[in-house]
C-alpha atoms as a PDB file:
ATOM      1  CA  UNK A   1     -36.534  91.359  33.417  1.00  0.00           C
ATOM      2  CA  UNK A   2     -36.429  87.605  31.898  1.00  0.00           C
ATOM      3  CA  UNK A   3     -34.467  87.349  28.748  1.00  0.00           C
ATOM      4  CA  UNK A   4     -32.238  84.633  27.293  1.00  0.00           C
ATOM      5  CA  UNK A   5     -29.399  86.421  28.742  1.00  0.00           C
ATOM      6  CA  UNK A   6     -30.034  86.652  32.050  1.00  0.00           C
ATOM      7  CA  UNK A   7     -31.320  82.967  31.750  1.00  0.00           C
ATOM      8  CA  UNK A   8     -27.854  82.116  30.956  1.00  0.00           C
ATOM      9  CA  UNK A   9     -25.997  83.809  34.045  1.00  0.00           C
ATOM     10  CA  UNK A  10     -29.130  81.843  36.197  1.00  0.00           C
ATOM     11  CA  UNK A  11     -27.886  80.005  38.577  1.00  0.00           C
ATOM     12  CA  UNK A  12     -28.929  76.156  39.220  1.00  0.00           C
ATOM     13  CA  UNK A  13     -31.339  77.595  41.993  1.00  0.00           C
ATOM     14  CA  UNK A  14     -32.804  80.101  40.347  1.00  0.00           C
ATOM     15  CA  UNK A  15     -33.404  78.575  37.424  1.00  0.00           C
ATOM     16  CA  UNK A  16     -35.040  75.454  39.370  1.00  0.00           C
ATOM     17  CA  UNK A  17     -37.371  78.224  41.688  1.00  0.00           C
ATOM     18  CA  UNK A  18     -38.162  80.120  38.028  1.00  0.00           C
ATOM     19  CA  UNK A  19     -39.033  76.248  36.442  1.00  0.00           C
ATOM     20  CA  UNK A  20     -41.520  75.564  39.656  1.00  0.00           C
ATOM     21  CA  UNK A  21     -43.160  78.829  39.394  1.00  0.00           C
ATOM     22  CA  UNK A  22     -44.303  77.873  35.987  1.00  0.00           C
ATOM     23  CA  UNK A  23     -48.113  77.073  35.294  1.00  0.00           C
ATOM     24  CA  UNK A  24     -49.185  75.030  31.932  1.00  0.00           C
ATOM     25  CA  UNK A  25     -53.115  76.704  30.841  1.00  0.00           C
ATOM     26  CA  UNK A  26     -54.515  73.224  30.692  1.00  0.00           C
ATOM     27  CA  UNK A  27     -55.945  74.545  27.176  1.00  0.00           C
ATOM     28  CA  UNK A  28     -52.438  74.643  25.708  1.00  0.00           C
ATOM     29  CA  UNK A  29     -51.280  71.617  24.943  1.00  0.00           C
ATOM     30  CA  UNK A  30     -47.297  73.479  24.276  1.00  0.00           C
ATOM     31  CA  UNK A  31     -47.351  74.796  27.448  1.00  0.00           C
ATOM     32  CA  UNK A  32     -48.149  71.675  28.522  1.00  0.00           C
ATOM     33  CA  UNK A  33     -45.497  69.981  27.322  1.00  0.00           C
ATOM     34  CA  UNK A  34     -43.337  72.822  28.048  1.00  0.00           C
ATOM     35  CA  UNK A  35     -43.931  72.249  31.742  1.00  0.00           C
ATOM     36  CA  UNK A  36     -43.612  68.485  31.964  1.00  0.00           C
ATOM     37  CA  UNK A  37     -40.151  68.751  30.532  1.00  0.00           C
ATOM     38  CA  UNK A  38     -39.382  71.379  32.387  1.00  0.00           C
ATOM     39  CA  UNK A  39     -40.138  68.894  35.220  1.00  0.00           C
ATOM     40  CA  UNK A  40     -38.439  66.121  33.697  1.00  0.00           C
ATOM     41  CA  UNK A  41     -34.966  68.188  33.111  1.00  0.00           C
ATOM     42  CA  UNK A  42     -34.985  68.639  36.727  1.00  0.00           C
ATOM     43  CA  UNK A  43     -35.790  65.424  37.395  1.00  0.00           C
ATOM     44  CA  UNK A  44     -32.868  64.087  35.392  1.00  0.00           C
ATOM     45  CA  UNK A  45     -30.496  67.018  36.545  1.00  0.00           C
ATOM     46  CA  UNK A  46     -30.645  66.079  40.241  1.00  0.00           C
ATOM     47  CA  UNK A  47     -30.478  61.676  39.880  1.00  0.00           C
ATOM     48  CA  UNK A  48     -27.202  63.263  37.894  1.00  0.00           C
ATOM     49  CA  UNK A  49     -25.674  65.778  40.850  1.00  0.00           C
ATOM     50  CA  UNK A  50     -26.769  62.409  43.062  1.00  0.00           C
ATOM     51  CA  UNK A  51     -24.681  59.979  41.244  1.00  0.00           C
END
């Protein structure tokens, strides 16, 4: 079960898998924005790790 407490203790890999498993409903602007935000954060995290 996902809740804020379990997410707090997830590994980076688990969080990445979770975020990439989400698919936004194209009719819901907030879910589309959240999906874009999640992907952007993952990109920035990867970039930061590479430096």
